[in-house]
């Protein structure tokens, strides 16, 4: 089944490296692709490996119609973009006001692997 919407949050390689460096002590072994033998230097290996991943996501964006979101934009702006893109697809969807989300999920016939309903109380079974 093809998703209605799919997003790709695009972060340039240099920005990704800056974010990692500011958030933690260093680049992790597998995110640097050290297991692939691209370079003995973790930073250079990261550039090569993550560059390949970015290239693939950009290819997939066109092939599968992913919507590109500029992840260097402010979080507020990114949220506004996502809301604007999602809103038309939510028109007519039942809103649960202080009620039980299980009712809304049942009404929309939603269940299965990715939508987990809370365990039903004994009085709900029946």
N, C-alpha and C. Protein backbone atom coordinates (compact mmCIF):
# COMPACT_ATOMS: atom_id res chain seq x y z
N UNK A 1 0.84 -1.17 0.00
CA UNK A 1 0.00 0.00 0.00
C UNK A 1 0.89 1.24 0.00
N UNK A 2 0.56 2.18 -0.85
CA UNK A 2 1.32 3.42 -0.94
C UNK A 2 0.80 4.40 0.12
N UNK A 3 1.72 5.01 0.87
CA UNK A 3 1.26 5.98 1.88
C UNK A 3 0.69 7.22 1.21
N UNK A 4 -0.22 7.87 1.91
CA UNK A 4 -0.79 9.11 1.41
C UNK A 4 0.27 10.20 1.34
N UNK A 5 1.05 10.30 2.38
CA UNK A 5 2.14 11.29 2.45
C UNK A 5 3.37 10.63 3.04
N UNK A 6 4.52 11.05 2.57
CA UNK A 6 5.78 10.61 3.16
C UNK A 6 6.75 11.78 3.06
N UNK A 7 7.51 12.00 4.11
CA UNK A 7 8.39 13.15 4.17
C UNK A 7 9.84 12.74 4.27
N UNK A 8 10.70 13.57 3.72
CA UNK A 8 12.14 13.42 3.86
C UNK A 8 12.66 14.73 4.45
N UNK A 9 13.19 14.64 5.66
CA UNK A 9 13.76 15.81 6.32
C UNK A 9 15.22 15.90 5.89
N UNK A 10 15.49 16.83 4.99
CA UNK A 10 16.79 16.96 4.34
C UNK A 10 17.72 17.84 5.16
N UNK A 11 18.84 17.24 5.58
CA UNK A 11 19.87 17.96 6.33
C UNK A 11 21.17 17.82 5.57
N UNK A 12 21.79 18.94 5.18
CA UNK A 12 23.09 18.84 4.51
C UNK A 12 24.12 18.14 5.42
N UNK A 13 25.05 17.46 4.80
CA UNK A 13 26.04 16.67 5.53
C UNK A 13 26.79 17.49 6.58
N UNK A 14 27.22 18.68 6.23
CA UNK A 14 27.98 19.51 7.18
C UNK A 14 27.12 19.88 8.40
N UNK A 15 25.84 20.13 8.16
CA UNK A 15 24.94 20.46 9.27
C UNK A 15 24.72 19.24 10.16
N UNK A 16 24.59 18.06 9.55
CA UNK A 16 24.43 16.83 10.34
C UNK A 16 25.65 16.62 11.22
N UNK A 17 26.81 16.86 10.67
CA UNK A 17 28.04 16.69 11.45
C UNK A 17 28.11 17.71 12.59
N UNK A 18 27.72 18.93 12.31
CA UNK A 18 27.72 19.96 13.35
C UNK A 18 26.76 19.59 14.47
N UNK A 19 25.58 19.10 14.12
CA UNK A 19 24.59 18.71 15.13
C UNK A 19 25.09 17.57 16.00
N UNK A 20 25.72 16.59 15.38
CA UNK A 20 26.24 15.47 16.14
C UNK A 20 27.34 15.94 17.08
N UNK A 21 28.24 16.76 16.57
CA UNK A 21 29.36 17.25 17.39
C UNK A 21 28.88 18.07 18.57
N UNK A 22 27.79 18.80 18.41
CA UNK A 22 27.30 19.63 19.50
C UNK A 22 26.43 18.85 20.49
N UNK A 23 25.98 17.67 20.10
CA UNK A 23 25.06 16.90 20.94
C UNK A 23 25.74 15.82 21.77
N UNK A 24 26.87 15.32 21.29
CA UNK A 24 27.52 14.22 22.01
C UNK A 24 29.01 14.19 21.71
N UNK A 25 29.67 13.28 22.36
CA UNK A 25 31.13 13.22 22.31
C UNK A 25 31.69 12.91 20.93
N UNK A 26 31.02 12.09 20.17
CA UNK A 26 31.59 11.74 18.88
C UNK A 26 30.64 10.96 18.00
N UNK A 27 31.17 10.61 16.85
CA UNK A 27 30.41 9.85 15.86
C UNK A 27 30.45 8.38 16.25
N UNK A 28 29.30 7.73 16.16
CA UNK A 28 29.21 6.31 16.49
C UNK A 28 29.79 5.46 15.35
N UNK A 29 30.28 4.31 15.71
CA UNK A 29 30.96 3.40 14.79
C UNK A 29 30.12 3.11 13.53
N UNK A 30 28.87 2.69 13.72
CA UNK A 30 28.05 2.28 12.57
C UNK A 30 27.50 3.47 11.80
N UNK A 31 27.22 4.59 12.46
CA UNK A 31 26.73 5.75 11.71
C UNK A 31 27.85 6.34 10.85
N UNK A 32 29.12 6.06 11.22
CA UNK A 32 30.25 6.48 10.41
C UNK A 32 30.57 5.47 9.31
N UNK A 33 29.88 4.32 9.32
CA UNK A 33 30.13 3.30 8.32
C UNK A 33 31.50 2.67 8.46
N UNK A 34 32.04 2.67 9.67
CA UNK A 34 33.37 2.11 9.90
C UNK A 34 33.44 0.63 9.55
N UNK A 35 32.32 -0.07 9.66
CA UNK A 35 32.27 -1.48 9.32
C UNK A 35 32.39 -1.74 7.82
N UNK A 36 32.28 -0.69 7.02
CA UNK A 36 32.34 -0.83 5.57
C UNK A 36 33.74 -0.63 5.01
N UNK A 37 34.67 -0.18 5.85
CA UNK A 37 36.04 0.02 5.40
C UNK A 37 36.21 1.17 4.42
N UNK A 38 35.40 2.21 4.54
CA UNK A 38 35.47 3.34 3.62
C UNK A 38 36.70 4.21 3.88
N UNK A 39 37.08 4.32 5.15
CA UNK A 39 38.25 5.08 5.56
C UNK A 39 38.61 4.68 6.98
N UNK A 40 39.88 4.81 7.32
CA UNK A 40 40.30 4.52 8.69
C UNK A 40 39.96 5.68 9.62
N UNK A 41 39.72 6.85 9.05
CA UNK A 41 39.37 8.04 9.83
C UNK A 41 37.85 8.09 10.01
N UNK A 42 37.35 8.05 11.25
CA UNK A 42 35.90 8.05 11.47
C UNK A 42 35.18 9.25 10.87
N UNK A 43 35.79 10.41 10.90
CA UNK A 43 35.14 11.61 10.33
C UNK A 43 35.03 11.49 8.82
N UNK A 44 36.10 11.05 8.17
CA UNK A 44 36.07 10.88 6.71
C UNK A 44 35.11 9.75 6.33
N UNK A 45 35.13 8.66 7.08
CA UNK A 45 34.21 7.56 6.81
C UNK A 45 32.76 8.03 6.96
N UNK A 46 32.50 8.86 7.99
CA UNK A 46 31.16 9.41 8.19
C UNK A 46 30.75 10.22 6.97
N UNK A 47 31.63 11.09 6.49
CA UNK A 47 31.32 11.91 5.31
C UNK A 47 30.95 11.05 4.10
N UNK A 48 31.74 10.03 3.87
CA UNK A 48 31.50 9.17 2.71
C UNK A 48 30.18 8.40 2.88
N UNK A 49 30.04 7.73 4.02
CA UNK A 49 28.87 6.89 4.26
C UNK A 49 27.58 7.70 4.31
N UNK A 50 27.57 8.74 5.11
CA UNK A 50 26.36 9.56 5.22
C UNK A 50 26.07 10.30 3.91
N UNK A 51 27.11 10.66 3.18
CA UNK A 51 26.91 11.26 1.85
C UNK A 51 26.18 10.31 0.92
N UNK A 52 26.54 9.03 0.99
CA UNK A 52 25.84 8.02 0.18
C UNK A 52 24.38 7.90 0.60
N UNK A 53 24.14 7.94 1.90
CA UNK A 53 22.76 7.84 2.40
C UNK A 53 21.94 9.04 1.93
N UNK A 54 22.51 10.23 2.03
CA UNK A 54 21.82 11.44 1.57
C UNK A 54 21.51 11.34 0.08
N UNK A 55 22.48 10.91 -0.71
CA UNK A 55 22.25 10.75 -2.15
C UNK A 55 21.10 9.79 -2.42
N UNK A 56 21.05 8.69 -1.68
CA UNK A 56 19.99 7.70 -1.88
C UNK A 56 18.63 8.26 -1.50
N UNK A 57 18.56 8.98 -0.38
CA UNK A 57 17.29 9.59 0.01
C UNK A 57 16.83 10.61 -1.03
N UNK A 58 17.74 11.36 -1.58
CA UNK A 58 17.36 12.33 -2.62
C UNK A 58 16.84 11.62 -3.86
N UNK A 59 17.44 10.48 -4.20
CA UNK A 59 16.94 9.68 -5.32
C UNK A 59 15.56 9.13 -5.02
N UNK A 60 15.38 8.61 -3.80
CA UNK A 60 14.10 8.05 -3.41
C UNK A 60 13.01 9.13 -3.36
N UNK A 61 13.40 10.35 -3.04
CA UNK A 61 12.44 11.45 -2.98
C UNK A 61 11.73 11.59 -4.32
N UNK A 62 12.49 11.57 -5.39
CA UNK A 62 11.90 11.67 -6.72
C UNK A 62 11.17 10.41 -7.14
N UNK A 63 11.79 9.27 -6.89
CA UNK A 63 11.21 8.00 -7.32
C UNK A 63 9.90 7.68 -6.63
N UNK A 64 9.81 7.99 -5.32
CA UNK A 64 8.64 7.60 -4.55
C UNK A 64 7.78 8.78 -4.12
N UNK A 65 8.10 9.97 -4.58
CA UNK A 65 7.27 11.12 -4.29
C UNK A 65 7.33 11.60 -2.85
N UNK A 66 8.48 11.41 -2.20
CA UNK A 66 8.61 11.93 -0.84
C UNK A 66 8.58 13.46 -0.89
N UNK A 67 7.98 14.06 0.10
CA UNK A 67 7.96 15.50 0.19
C UNK A 67 9.19 15.95 0.97
N UNK A 68 10.03 16.76 0.35
CA UNK A 68 11.26 17.23 0.98
C UNK A 68 10.94 18.37 1.94
N UNK A 69 11.43 18.23 3.16
CA UNK A 69 11.32 19.27 4.17
C UNK A 69 12.74 19.73 4.49
N UNK A 70 12.95 21.02 4.46
CA UNK A 70 14.26 21.59 4.78
C UNK A 70 14.46 21.52 6.29
N UNK A 71 15.24 20.56 6.74
CA UNK A 71 15.44 20.36 8.17
C UNK A 71 16.40 21.37 8.78
N UNK A 72 16.89 22.32 7.98
CA UNK A 72 17.69 23.40 8.55
C UNK A 72 16.81 24.59 8.90
N UNK A 73 15.56 24.53 8.47
CA UNK A 73 14.61 25.59 8.81
C UNK A 73 14.26 25.47 10.30
N UNK A 74 13.62 26.47 10.84
CA UNK A 74 13.25 26.43 12.26
C UNK A 74 12.24 25.30 12.49
N UNK A 75 12.21 24.79 13.71
CA UNK A 75 11.24 23.74 14.04
C UNK A 75 9.82 24.24 13.87
N UNK A 76 9.59 25.49 14.21
CA UNK A 76 8.25 26.07 14.05
C UNK A 76 7.85 26.06 12.58
N UNK A 77 8.75 26.48 11.70
CA UNK A 77 8.45 26.51 10.27
C UNK A 77 8.25 25.10 9.72
N UNK A 78 9.06 24.14 10.17
CA UNK A 78 8.89 22.76 9.72
C UNK A 78 7.52 22.23 10.14
N UNK A 79 7.13 22.53 11.38
CA UNK A 79 5.82 22.08 11.87
C UNK A 79 4.70 22.72 11.06
N UNK A 80 4.84 24.00 10.74
CA UNK A 80 3.82 24.68 9.94
C UNK A 80 3.69 24.03 8.57
N UNK A 81 4.81 23.69 7.95
CA UNK A 81 4.78 23.03 6.65
C UNK A 81 4.08 21.68 6.73
N UNK A 82 4.45 20.89 7.72
CA UNK A 82 3.85 19.56 7.86
C UNK A 82 2.36 19.68 8.10
N UNK A 83 1.97 20.58 9.00
CA UNK A 83 0.53 20.75 9.27
C UNK A 83 -0.23 21.17 8.01
N UNK A 84 0.35 22.07 7.23
CA UNK A 84 -0.31 22.53 6.00
C UNK A 84 -0.46 21.39 4.99
N UNK A 85 0.52 20.51 4.94
CA UNK A 85 0.46 19.39 4.01
C UNK A 85 -0.48 18.28 4.47
N UNK A 86 -0.55 18.08 5.78
CA UNK A 86 -1.38 17.00 6.34
C UNK A 86 -2.84 17.42 6.47
N UNK A 87 -3.11 18.67 6.77
CA UNK A 87 -4.47 19.14 7.07
C UNK A 87 -5.51 18.73 6.03
N UNK A 88 -5.26 18.89 4.74
CA UNK A 88 -6.29 18.50 3.77
C UNK A 88 -6.66 17.02 3.83
N UNK A 89 -5.75 16.19 4.28
CA UNK A 89 -6.01 14.75 4.36
C UNK A 89 -6.77 14.37 5.62
N UNK A 90 -6.91 15.31 6.53
CA UNK A 90 -7.62 15.04 7.77
C UNK A 90 -9.04 15.61 7.79
N UNK A 91 -9.42 16.28 6.70
CA UNK A 91 -10.77 16.82 6.65
C UNK A 91 -11.79 15.70 6.79
N UNK A 92 -12.74 15.92 7.67
CA UNK A 92 -13.80 14.95 7.88
C UNK A 92 -13.44 13.83 8.84
N UNK A 93 -12.22 13.81 9.33
CA UNK A 93 -11.83 12.78 10.29
C UNK A 93 -12.45 13.14 11.63
N UNK A 94 -12.98 12.16 12.26
CA UNK A 94 -13.64 12.35 13.55
C UNK A 94 -12.63 12.76 14.62
N UNK A 95 -12.97 13.79 15.35
CA UNK A 95 -12.11 14.26 16.43
C UNK A 95 -12.66 13.74 17.75
N UNK A 96 -11.78 13.25 18.60
CA UNK A 96 -12.18 12.73 19.89
C UNK A 96 -12.00 13.85 20.91
N UNK A 97 -13.09 14.32 21.46
CA UNK A 97 -13.05 15.38 22.47
C UNK A 97 -13.25 14.76 23.84
N UNK A 98 -12.15 14.56 24.55
CA UNK A 98 -12.24 14.03 25.90
C UNK A 98 -12.80 12.63 25.98
N UNK A 99 -12.99 12.01 24.84
CA UNK A 99 -13.53 10.66 24.83
C UNK A 99 -12.42 9.64 24.72
N UNK A 100 -12.82 8.47 24.39
CA UNK A 100 -11.90 7.37 24.28
C UNK A 100 -11.46 7.22 22.83
N UNK A 101 -10.18 7.23 22.59
CA UNK A 101 -9.65 7.12 21.24
C UNK A 101 -10.02 5.78 20.59
N UNK A 102 -10.29 4.77 21.41
CA UNK A 102 -10.68 3.47 20.86
C UNK A 102 -11.95 3.59 20.02
N UNK A 103 -12.88 4.45 20.46
CA UNK A 103 -14.12 4.62 19.70
C UNK A 103 -13.85 5.20 18.32
N UNK A 104 -12.98 6.20 18.27
CA UNK A 104 -12.65 6.80 16.99
C UNK A 104 -11.92 5.80 16.09
N UNK A 105 -11.03 5.01 16.66
CA UNK A 105 -10.32 4.02 15.86
C UNK A 105 -11.26 2.95 15.34
N UNK A 106 -12.18 2.50 16.19
CA UNK A 106 -13.16 1.50 15.74
C UNK A 106 -14.05 2.07 14.64
N UNK A 107 -14.49 3.33 14.81
CA UNK A 107 -15.37 3.95 13.80
C UNK A 107 -14.67 4.07 12.45
N UNK A 108 -13.37 4.27 12.48
CA UNK A 108 -12.60 4.37 11.24
C UNK A 108 -12.09 3.01 10.78
N UNK A 109 -12.48 1.95 11.50
CA UNK A 109 -12.06 0.59 11.20
C UNK A 109 -10.54 0.48 11.16
N UNK A 110 -9.89 1.14 12.13
CA UNK A 110 -8.43 1.11 12.23
C UNK A 110 -8.00 0.14 13.31
N UNK A 111 -7.18 -0.76 12.93
CA UNK A 111 -6.56 -1.68 13.87
C UNK A 111 -5.43 -2.35 13.12
N UNK A 112 -4.74 -3.23 13.78
CA UNK A 112 -3.70 -3.96 13.10
C UNK A 112 -2.34 -3.71 13.68
N UNK A 113 -1.35 -4.03 12.90
CA UNK A 113 0.03 -4.05 13.36
C UNK A 113 0.52 -2.69 13.86
N UNK A 114 0.16 -1.62 13.20
CA UNK A 114 0.73 -0.31 13.53
C UNK A 114 -0.18 0.55 14.39
N UNK A 115 -1.43 0.20 14.49
CA UNK A 115 -2.35 0.93 15.36
C UNK A 115 -2.67 0.02 16.52
N UNK A 116 -2.18 0.36 17.67
CA UNK A 116 -2.36 -0.49 18.85
C UNK A 116 -3.50 0.06 19.70
N UNK A 117 -4.54 -0.71 19.85
CA UNK A 117 -5.63 -0.34 20.73
C UNK A 117 -5.28 -0.75 22.15
N UNK A 118 -5.61 0.10 23.12
CA UNK A 118 -5.40 -0.33 24.51
C UNK A 118 -6.25 -1.56 24.80
N UNK A 119 -5.83 -2.34 25.76
CA UNK A 119 -6.60 -3.53 26.12
C UNK A 119 -8.02 -3.13 26.49
N UNK A 120 -8.97 -3.84 25.96
CA UNK A 120 -10.37 -3.52 26.25
C UNK A 120 -10.74 -3.96 27.64
N UNK A 121 -11.52 -3.12 28.30
CA UNK A 121 -12.05 -3.52 29.62
C UNK A 121 -13.11 -4.58 29.38
N UNK A 122 -13.40 -5.37 30.39
CA UNK A 122 -14.35 -6.47 30.24
C UNK A 122 -15.72 -5.96 29.78
N UNK A 123 -16.13 -4.76 30.24
CA UNK A 123 -17.44 -4.26 29.83
C UNK A 123 -17.47 -3.78 28.38
N UNK A 124 -16.25 -3.56 27.77
CA UNK A 124 -16.18 -3.16 26.36
C UNK A 124 -16.27 -4.35 25.43
N UNK A 125 -15.97 -5.54 25.95
CA UNK A 125 -16.06 -6.74 25.11
C UNK A 125 -17.50 -7.17 25.03
N UNK A 126 -17.95 -7.50 23.93
CA UNK A 126 -19.28 -7.98 24.04
C UNK A 126 -20.12 -7.89 22.92
